[in-house]
Protein backbone atom coordinates (compact mmCIF):
# COMPACT_ATOMS: atom_id res chain seq x y z
CA MET A 1 28.01 -31.00 -35.91
CA ILE A 2 29.42 -28.43 -34.32
CA SER A 3 27.80 -25.72 -36.17
CA ARG A 4 24.18 -27.33 -35.79
CA ASN A 5 24.89 -27.01 -31.70
CA LYS A 6 25.88 -23.12 -32.38
CA LYS A 7 22.52 -22.72 -34.48
CA ILE A 8 20.33 -24.36 -31.20
CA ILE A 9 22.45 -22.18 -28.71
CA PHE A 10 22.25 -18.76 -30.63
CA SER A 11 18.70 -19.34 -31.48
CA ARG A 12 17.85 -20.34 -27.80
CA LEU A 13 19.54 -17.58 -26.48
CA THR A 14 17.95 -14.94 -29.26
CA LEU A 15 14.64 -16.28 -27.73
CA VAL A 16 15.47 -15.61 -24.36
CA VAL A 17 16.70 -12.49 -25.26
CA THR A 18 13.53 -11.38 -27.12
CA CYS A 19 11.43 -12.37 -24.52
CA GLY A 20 12.90 -10.98 -21.47
CA VAL A 21 12.95 -7.37 -23.84
CA ALA A 22 9.09 -7.98 -24.66
CA LEU A 23 8.42 -8.63 -21.10
CA ILE A 24 10.12 -5.80 -20.14
CA ILE A 25 8.95 -2.95 -22.86
CA SER A 26 5.63 -4.08 -21.97
CA GLY A 27 5.61 -3.29 -18.40
CA CYS A 28 5.27 -6.70 -16.62
CA SER A 29 5.66 -6.63 -13.02
CA CYS A 30 7.71 -9.62 -12.32
CA PHE A 31 10.84 -7.30 -12.92
CA SER A 32 9.16 -4.21 -10.92
CA GLY A 33 9.97 -5.49 -7.31
CA TYR A 34 6.17 -5.34 -6.90
CA LYS A 35 3.84 -8.06 -5.10
CA ARG A 36 -0.06 -7.95 -6.07
CA ALA A 37 -2.69 -8.57 -3.34
CA VAL A 38 -6.36 -9.43 -4.20
CA VAL A 39 -9.53 -9.20 -1.55
CA ASN A 40 -12.22 -11.03 -3.10
CA GLU A 41 -15.20 -11.69 -1.61
CA ILE A 42 -19.20 -11.54 -2.03
CA ASP A 43 -19.24 -7.93 -1.13
CA ILE A 44 -15.86 -6.44 -1.63
CA SER A 45 -13.33 -7.22 -4.61
CA PHE A 46 -10.14 -5.45 -5.21
CA SER A 47 -6.32 -5.66 -6.41
CA PHE A 48 -3.48 -3.72 -5.59
CA ASP A 49 0.49 -3.80 -5.94
CA TYR A 50 2.82 -3.40 -3.20
CA PRO A 51 6.46 -3.26 -3.04
CA SER A 52 8.41 -6.86 -2.53
CA SER A 53 10.07 -5.60 0.65
CA TYR A 54 6.38 -5.72 2.72
CA LYS A 55 5.26 -9.05 3.62
CA GLU A 56 1.49 -9.92 4.31
CA SER A 57 0.90 -9.94 8.06
CA GLY A 58 -2.94 -10.53 8.10
CA ARG A 59 -5.90 -10.44 6.94
CA THR A 60 -9.51 -9.81 8.44
CA SER A 61 -13.17 -10.18 7.15
CA ASP A 62 -16.07 -10.44 9.23
CA SER A 63 -19.16 -8.19 9.36
CA PHE A 64 -17.63 -5.10 10.48
CA LEU A 65 -14.59 -4.78 8.50
CA THR A 66 -12.27 -6.71 6.05
CA GLU A 67 -8.79 -5.75 6.02
CA ILE A 68 -5.38 -6.48 5.02
CA VAL A 69 -1.81 -5.15 6.49
CA LEU A 70 1.51 -5.60 5.07
CA GLU A 71 4.30 -4.92 7.27
CA ARG A 72 8.20 -4.35 6.49
CA TYR A 73 10.82 -5.15 8.52
CA THR A 74 14.54 -3.95 7.58
CA PRO A 75 16.72 -7.58 8.58
CA ASP A 76 19.41 -5.06 10.78
CA ARG A 77 16.72 -3.55 12.96
CA ASN A 78 14.81 -5.30 15.98
CA ILE A 79 12.32 -8.28 14.53
CA HIS A 80 9.67 -7.41 16.82
CA LYS A 81 9.16 -3.43 16.05
CA ILE A 82 8.18 -2.49 12.50
CA ASP A 83 9.93 -0.11 9.62
CA GLY A 84 7.38 0.62 7.79
CA GLN A 85 3.22 -0.64 7.52
CA ALA A 86 0.68 -0.52 4.90
CA SER A 87 -2.93 -1.35 5.28
CA VAL A 88 -6.31 -1.39 3.24
CA THR A 89 -9.36 -1.24 5.90
CA ILE A 90 -13.05 -1.15 4.52
CA TRP A 91 -15.26 -0.41 7.45
CA LYS A 92 -18.50 -2.13 6.66
CA SER A 93 -20.55 -1.17 9.45
CA LEU A 94 -19.19 2.23 10.98
CA ASP A 95 -21.57 4.74 13.08
CA TYR A 96 -20.31 7.76 10.87
CA PRO A 97 -22.05 8.47 7.75
CA ASN A 98 -19.29 8.63 5.26
CA ALA A 99 -15.76 8.95 4.92
CA THR A 100 -15.63 12.70 5.02
CA ALA A 101 -16.92 12.40 8.50
CA TYR A 102 -14.82 9.66 9.62
CA LEU A 103 -11.98 11.12 8.58
CA GLU A 104 -12.78 14.34 10.70
CA PHE A 105 -13.12 12.10 13.67
CA CYS A 106 -9.68 10.38 12.90
CA LEU A 107 -8.14 13.76 12.80
CA LYS A 108 -9.49 15.12 16.28
CA THR A 109 -8.53 11.63 17.60
CA LEU A 110 -5.01 12.10 16.02
CA GLN A 111 -4.29 15.62 17.32
CA SER A 112 -5.24 14.57 21.11
CA GLN A 113 -3.36 11.53 20.98
CA TRP A 114 0.05 12.34 18.96
CA GLY A 115 2.90 14.44 20.38
CA GLU A 116 3.53 17.09 17.97
CA PHE A 117 1.12 16.21 15.38
CA LYS A 118 1.23 18.16 12.21
CA LEU A 119 -0.95 17.86 9.20
CA HIS A 120 1.12 18.49 6.13
CA GLU A 121 -1.47 18.05 3.28
CA ARG A 122 -5.54 17.94 2.60
CA SER A 123 -6.76 17.67 -0.50
CA THR A 124 -8.59 15.43 -3.16
CA ILE A 125 -7.43 12.24 -4.76
CA ASN A 126 -8.36 9.30 -6.84
CA VAL A 127 -8.60 5.92 -6.48
CA GLY A 128 -9.56 3.17 -8.66
CA GLY A 129 -11.99 6.29 -10.39
CA ILE A 130 -13.33 7.21 -6.56
CA ASP A 131 -12.74 10.26 -5.16
CA GLY A 132 -11.65 10.52 -2.03
CA GLU A 133 -9.59 12.78 0.23
CA ILE A 134 -5.82 12.06 1.35
CA ILE A 135 -4.32 13.12 4.25
CA ILE A 136 -0.50 13.44 5.16
CA TYR A 137 0.13 13.75 8.67
CA SER A 138 3.61 13.66 11.08
CA GLY A 139 4.32 13.16 14.50
CA TYR A 140 5.03 11.14 17.46
CA PHE A 141 2.36 8.35 18.74
CA LEU A 142 2.40 7.64 22.15
CA THR A 143 2.55 3.35 22.53
CA ASN A 144 5.31 3.43 19.60
CA VAL A 145 5.48 -0.04 17.74
CA PHE A 146 7.78 0.91 14.96
CA THR A 147 11.48 1.36 15.03
CA PHE A 148 11.59 4.64 14.41
CA ASP A 149 10.05 7.86 17.03
CA HIS A 150 9.04 10.11 14.40
CA ILE A 151 6.17 8.99 12.17
CA LYS A 152 4.90 9.87 8.76
CA CYS A 153 1.44 8.94 7.54
CA GLN A 154 -0.72 8.78 4.32
CA GLU A 155 -4.10 7.98 4.52
CA VAL A 156 -6.97 8.37 1.91
CA PHE A 157 -10.36 8.28 2.99
CA PHE A 158 -13.62 7.65 0.39
CA ASP A 159 -17.23 5.78 0.02
CA TYR A 160 -17.85 2.78 -2.37
CA LYS A 161 -20.72 0.63 -2.37
CA GLY A 162 -21.97 1.98 0.96
CA MET A 163 -18.82 1.42 3.23
CA ILE A 164 -15.99 3.46 4.40
CA TRP A 165 -12.69 2.77 2.62
CA ASN A 166 -9.19 3.84 4.39
CA ILE A 167 -5.84 3.13 2.83
CA THR A 168 -2.95 3.76 4.70
CA LEU A 169 0.96 3.83 4.95
CA PHE A 170 3.14 4.27 7.91
CA SER A 171 6.97 5.05 7.73
CA ASP A 172 9.87 6.67 9.31
CA ALA A 173 9.25 10.38 8.98
CA ASP A 174 12.91 11.35 8.92
CA ALA A 175 14.81 8.45 7.16
CA GLN A 176 12.49 7.20 4.35
CA LYS A 177 10.28 10.01 3.05
CA ASP A 178 10.67 9.58 -0.58
CA GLU A 179 10.38 5.46 -0.40
CA SER A 180 7.39 6.05 1.67
CA GLU A 181 5.85 7.99 -1.09
CA SER A 182 6.80 6.35 -3.99
CA ASP A 183 5.73 3.26 -2.29
CA PHE A 184 2.19 4.76 -1.10
CA GLU A 185 1.94 6.14 -4.75
CA HIS A 186 2.19 2.93 -6.45
CA LEU A 187 -0.25 1.91 -3.88
CA ILE A 188 -2.87 3.93 -5.19
CA LYS A 189 -1.84 3.99 -8.95
CA SER A 190 -2.53 0.19 -9.01
CA PHE A 191 -5.80 0.05 -7.15
CA LYS A 192 -8.65 -1.62 -8.93
CA PHE A 193 -12.09 -2.63 -8.07
CA LEU A 194 -12.45 -6.30 -9.14
CA ASP A 195 -16.38 -5.92 -9.44
């Protein structure tokens, strides 16, 4: 009787270990510390993965835009201030002919409204099979809602289905450089159009 119970326990343990190894090898995101956001509307359908340290703080969808906002709070920081913020915004009705024109407007606005504005990079990028532009910049925003003063931002702009798409990640320029870069890179690489 004891040997039969040992065999059952050994069989179940072997099954659990085998399944766990198979999930890890297959790249299951359940162990990776990421969550998936999905937006599924009539004219817009997409998904992306984001770090589980971020929490979804809002969604907006109307005739002007569709937006999903994610925020990261660090437990030892002021609950009213944000430690990092990511967003995906789709402008359905905007007075700019394309994403490049909107990007140029944003750059001019940033240069005039941010203290010590510095553009670190402007280059091309591919998001879900669509070409766009990425800008990486830093500075001091005058009305800061974050827990840090020196802000780094990574933004992507592209056109898709006649709309201007903007993916953004704000973070602490001094303390979280590597983490925010990998967070943003993962979000961009996991971004998929579902239509």
